[in-house]
Amino acid sequence: MDKTFLAEIRTALEEEQKKLEAELSRFAHRNPKAAQTDFDADYPSYGDDEDENAREIATYSNNLSLENELEKALRDVTSALKRMGGSDYGVCKYCKSDIAKARLRARPTASSCITCKKTLTQEM
């Protein structure tokens, strides 16, 4: 991979990392005793009335689901940035062939080529 392309992808990944961390920080806090990509959703406090308690539970439940999805995306970005530091980035983890630049531009966190991904998801 050429350095210009890798710099372009690194910039995109770093921007995505900042965006994901900012989104997570809106309703969660970083877990200091866990991995850098681990956050804990904050439990909202709207009041003591029954309808406010129900709203708290609904909001917290929604935030937990969103937290899980955003953490997964953040782990993917962090993993891609780590692979960039070595020689693994842009190489399919299954067949060891190069991942097409078009795929990496579309999905910078990709760790598999299109052929292997289709095989894994049983798309033919």
C-alpha atoms as a PDB file:
ATOM      1  CA  MET A   1       0.000   0.000   0.000  1.00  0.00           C
ATOM      2  CA  ASP A   2       1.283   3.421  -0.836  1.00  0.00           C
ATOM      3  CA  LYS A   3       1.838   5.979   1.917  1.00  0.00           C
ATOM      4  CA  THR A   4      -0.617   8.529   0.484  1.00  0.00           C
ATOM      5  CA  PHE A   5      -3.464   6.019   0.497  1.00  0.00           C
ATOM      6  CA  LEU A   6      -2.630   4.860   4.033  1.00  0.00           C
ATOM      7  CA  ALA A   7      -2.504   8.473   5.258  1.00  0.00           C
ATOM      8  CA  GLU A   8      -5.923   9.111   3.703  1.00  0.00           C
ATOM      9  CA  ILE A   9      -7.403   6.043   5.396  1.00  0.00           C
ATOM     10  CA  ARG A  10      -5.705   6.809   8.736  1.00  0.00           C
ATOM     11  CA  THR A  11      -7.235  10.298   8.700  1.00  0.00           C
ATOM     12  CA  ALA A  12     -10.685   8.856   7.978  1.00  0.00           C
ATOM     13  CA  LEU A  13     -10.311   6.297  10.778  1.00  0.00           C
ATOM     14  CA  GLU A  14      -9.114   8.889  13.292  1.00  0.00           C
ATOM     15  CA  GLU A  15     -12.042  11.170  12.433  1.00  0.00           C
ATOM     16  CA  GLU A  16     -14.459   8.246  12.843  1.00  0.00           C
ATOM     17  CA  GLN A  17     -12.849   7.385  16.188  1.00  0.00           C
ATOM     18  CA  LYS A  18     -13.363  10.940  17.466  1.00  0.00           C
ATOM     19  CA  LYS A  19     -16.959  10.953  16.228  1.00  0.00           C
ATOM     20  CA  LEU A  20     -17.773   7.647  17.937  1.00  0.00           C
ATOM     21  CA  GLU A  21     -16.155   8.722  21.213  1.00  0.00           C
ATOM     22  CA  ALA A  22     -18.059  12.018  21.136  1.00  0.00           C
ATOM     23  CA  GLU A  23     -21.351  10.227  20.496  1.00  0.00           C
ATOM     24  CA  LEU A  24     -20.695   7.779  23.338  1.00  0.00           C
ATOM     25  CA  SER A  25     -19.766  10.572  25.740  1.00  0.00           C
ATOM     26  CA  ARG A  26     -23.224  12.127  25.238  1.00  0.00           C
ATOM     27  CA  PHE A  27     -24.863   9.378  27.319  1.00  0.00           C
ATOM     28  CA  ALA A  28     -22.043   7.231  28.737  1.00  0.00           C
ATOM     29  CA  HIS A  29     -18.703   7.488  30.479  1.00  0.00           C
ATOM     30  CA  ARG A  30     -15.462   5.635  29.845  1.00  0.00           C
ATOM     31  CA  ASN A  31     -14.980   2.638  32.137  1.00  0.00           C
ATOM     32  CA  PRO A  32     -11.606   3.349  33.813  1.00  0.00           C
ATOM     33  CA  LYS A  33     -11.085  -0.310  34.772  1.00  0.00           C
ATOM     34  CA  ALA A  34     -11.589  -1.751  31.292  1.00  0.00           C
ATOM     35  CA  ALA A  35     -10.395  -1.424  27.718  1.00  0.00           C
ATOM     36  CA  GLN A  36     -10.112   1.985  26.081  1.00  0.00           C
ATOM     37  CA  THR A  37     -13.168   1.200  23.976  1.00  0.00           C
ATOM     38  CA  ASP A  38     -15.372   0.244  26.945  1.00  0.00           C
ATOM     39  CA  PHE A  39     -18.024   2.709  28.060  1.00  0.00           C
ATOM     40  CA  ASP A  40     -20.833   2.446  30.615  1.00  0.00           C
ATOM     41  CA  ALA A  41     -24.188   4.039  29.880  1.00  0.00           C
ATOM     42  CA  ASP A  42     -25.289   6.593  32.470  1.00  0.00           C
ATOM     43  CA  TYR A  43     -28.614   5.971  34.160  1.00  0.00           C
ATOM     44  CA  PRO A  44     -30.797   9.036  33.582  1.00  0.00           C
ATOM     45  CA  SER A  45     -32.679  10.722  36.382  1.00  0.00           C
ATOM     46  CA  TYR A  46     -35.893  12.478  35.385  1.00  0.00           C
ATOM     47  CA  GLY A  47     -37.692  12.432  38.731  1.00  0.00           C
ATOM     48  CA  ASP A  48     -39.571  10.212  41.150  1.00  0.00           C
ATOM     49  CA  ASP A  49     -42.993   9.961  39.504  1.00  0.00           C
ATOM     50  CA  GLU A  50     -44.035   6.649  37.995  1.00  0.00           C
ATOM     51  CA  ASP A  51     -44.059   7.991  34.434  1.00  0.00           C
ATOM     52  CA  GLU A  52     -40.623   9.557  34.938  1.00  0.00           C
ATOM     53  CA  ASN A  53     -39.277   6.245  36.268  1.00  0.00           C
ATOM     54  CA  ALA A  54     -40.668   4.427  33.243  1.00  0.00           C
ATOM     55  CA  ARG A  55     -39.035   7.002  30.968  1.00  0.00           C
ATOM     56  CA  GLU A  56     -35.708   6.525  32.790  1.00  0.00           C
ATOM     57  CA  ILE A  57     -35.844   2.768  32.216  1.00  0.00           C
ATOM     58  CA  ALA A  58     -36.781   3.162  28.547  1.00  0.00           C
ATOM     59  CA  THR A  59     -34.027   5.705  27.938  1.00  0.00           C
ATOM     60  CA  TYR A  60     -31.433   3.585  29.740  1.00  0.00           C
ATOM     61  CA  SER A  61     -32.459   0.494  27.784  1.00  0.00           C
ATOM     62  CA  ASN A  62     -32.159   2.373  24.483  1.00  0.00           C
ATOM     63  CA  ASN A  63     -28.795   3.788  25.545  1.00  0.00           C
ATOM     64  CA  LEU A  64     -27.469   0.313  26.377  1.00  0.00           C
ATOM     65  CA  SER A  65     -28.314  -0.901  22.874  1.00  0.00           C
ATOM     66  CA  LEU A  66     -26.775   2.165  21.292  1.00  0.00           C
ATOM     67  CA  GLU A  67     -23.710   1.863  23.529  1.00  0.00           C
ATOM     68  CA  ASN A  68     -23.140  -1.716  22.372  1.00  0.00           C
ATOM     69  CA  GLU A  69     -23.333  -0.764  18.693  1.00  0.00           C
ATOM     70  CA  LEU A  70     -21.095   2.279  19.059  1.00  0.00           C
ATOM     71  CA  GLU A  71     -18.552   0.335  21.134  1.00  0.00           C
ATOM     72  CA  LYS A  72     -18.406  -2.371  18.458  1.00  0.00           C
ATOM     73  CA  ALA A  73     -17.782   0.269  15.783  1.00  0.00           C
ATOM     74  CA  LEU A  74     -15.128   1.900  17.988  1.00  0.00           C
ATOM     75  CA  ARG A  75     -13.404  -1.459  18.530  1.00  0.00           C
ATOM     76  CA  ASP A  76     -13.355  -1.994  14.745  1.00  0.00           C
ATOM     77  CA  VAL A  77     -11.786   1.430  14.198  1.00  0.00           C
ATOM     78  CA  THR A  78      -9.232   0.911  16.964  1.00  0.00           C
ATOM     79  CA  SER A  79      -8.348  -2.510  15.573  1.00  0.00           C
ATOM     80  CA  ALA A  80      -7.885  -1.079  12.064  1.00  0.00           C
ATOM     81  CA  LEU A  81      -5.603   1.653  13.402  1.00  0.00           C
ATOM     82  CA  LYS A  82      -3.528  -0.990  15.226  1.00  0.00           C
ATOM     83  CA  ARG A  83      -3.275  -3.067  12.036  1.00  0.00           C
ATOM     84  CA  MET A  84      -2.002   0.036  10.256  1.00  0.00           C
ATOM     85  CA  GLY A  85       0.882   0.145  12.720  1.00  0.00           C
ATOM     86  CA  GLY A  86       1.975  -3.316  11.574  1.00  0.00           C
ATOM     87  CA  SER A  87       1.855  -5.058   8.241  1.00  0.00           C
ATOM     88  CA  ASP A  88      -1.654  -6.502   8.627  1.00  0.00           C
ATOM     89  CA  TYR A  89      -3.692  -3.575   7.311  1.00  0.00           C
ATOM     90  CA  GLY A  90      -5.137  -4.154   3.862  1.00  0.00           C
ATOM     91  CA  VAL A  91      -4.487  -7.905   3.977  1.00  0.00           C
ATOM     92  CA  CYS A  92      -7.394 -10.352   4.265  1.00  0.00           C
ATOM     93  CA  LYS A  93      -7.198 -12.224   7.555  1.00  0.00           C
ATOM     94  CA  TYR A  94      -8.584 -15.377   5.893  1.00  0.00           C
ATOM     95  CA  CYS A  95      -6.886 -15.787   2.520  1.00  0.00           C
ATOM     96  CA  LYS A  96      -3.986 -13.346   3.077  1.00  0.00           C
ATOM     97  CA  SER A  97      -4.582 -11.598  -0.261  1.00  0.00           C
ATOM     98  CA  ASP A  98      -4.675  -7.814  -0.586  1.00  0.00           C
ATOM     99  CA  ILE A  99      -8.003  -6.118   0.114  1.00  0.00           C
ATOM    100  CA  ALA A 100      -9.043  -3.856  -2.764  1.00  0.00           C
ATOM    101  CA  LYS A 101      -8.489  -0.135  -2.204  1.00  0.00           C
ATOM    102  CA  ALA A 102     -12.087   0.548  -3.222  1.00  0.00           C
ATOM    103  CA  ARG A 103     -13.288  -1.716  -0.381  1.00  0.00           C
ATOM    104  CA  LEU A 104     -10.960  -0.038   2.114  1.00  0.00           C
ATOM    105  CA  ARG A 105     -12.165   3.399   1.022  1.00  0.00           C
ATOM    106  CA  ALA A 106     -15.776   2.292   1.464  1.00  0.00           C
ATOM    107  CA  ARG A 107     -15.097   0.430   4.715  1.00  0.00           C
ATOM    108  CA  PRO A 108     -11.732   1.370   6.228  1.00  0.00           C
ATOM    109  CA  THR A 109     -12.221  -1.128   9.076  1.00  0.00           C
ATOM    110  CA  ALA A 110     -12.489  -4.105   6.700  1.00  0.00           C
ATOM    111  CA  SER A 111     -10.280  -7.031   7.651  1.00  0.00           C
ATOM    112  CA  SER A 112     -11.388  -9.379   4.882  1.00  0.00           C
ATOM    113  CA  CYS A 113     -11.587  -9.222   1.108  1.00  0.00           C
ATOM    114  CA  ILE A 114     -14.939  -9.215  -0.683  1.00  0.00           C
ATOM    115  CA  THR A 115     -14.632 -12.871  -1.727  1.00  0.00           C
ATOM    116  CA  CYS A 116     -14.016 -14.117   1.815  1.00  0.00           C
ATOM    117  CA  LYS A 117     -16.704 -11.834   3.236  1.00  0.00           C
ATOM    118  CA  LYS A 118     -19.250 -13.189   0.760  1.00  0.00           C
ATOM    119  CA  THR A 119     -18.240 -16.741   1.641  1.00  0.00           C
ATOM    120  CA  LEU A 120     -18.593 -16.017   5.364  1.00  0.00           C
ATOM    121  CA  THR A 121     -22.012 -14.431   4.945  1.00  0.00           C
ATOM    122  CA  GLN A 122     -22.998 -17.081   2.377  1.00  0.00           C
ATOM    123  CA  GLU A 123     -23.643 -14.539  -0.363  1.00  0.00           C
ATOM    124  CA  MET A 124     -22.987 -15.972  -3.775  1.00  0.00           C
END
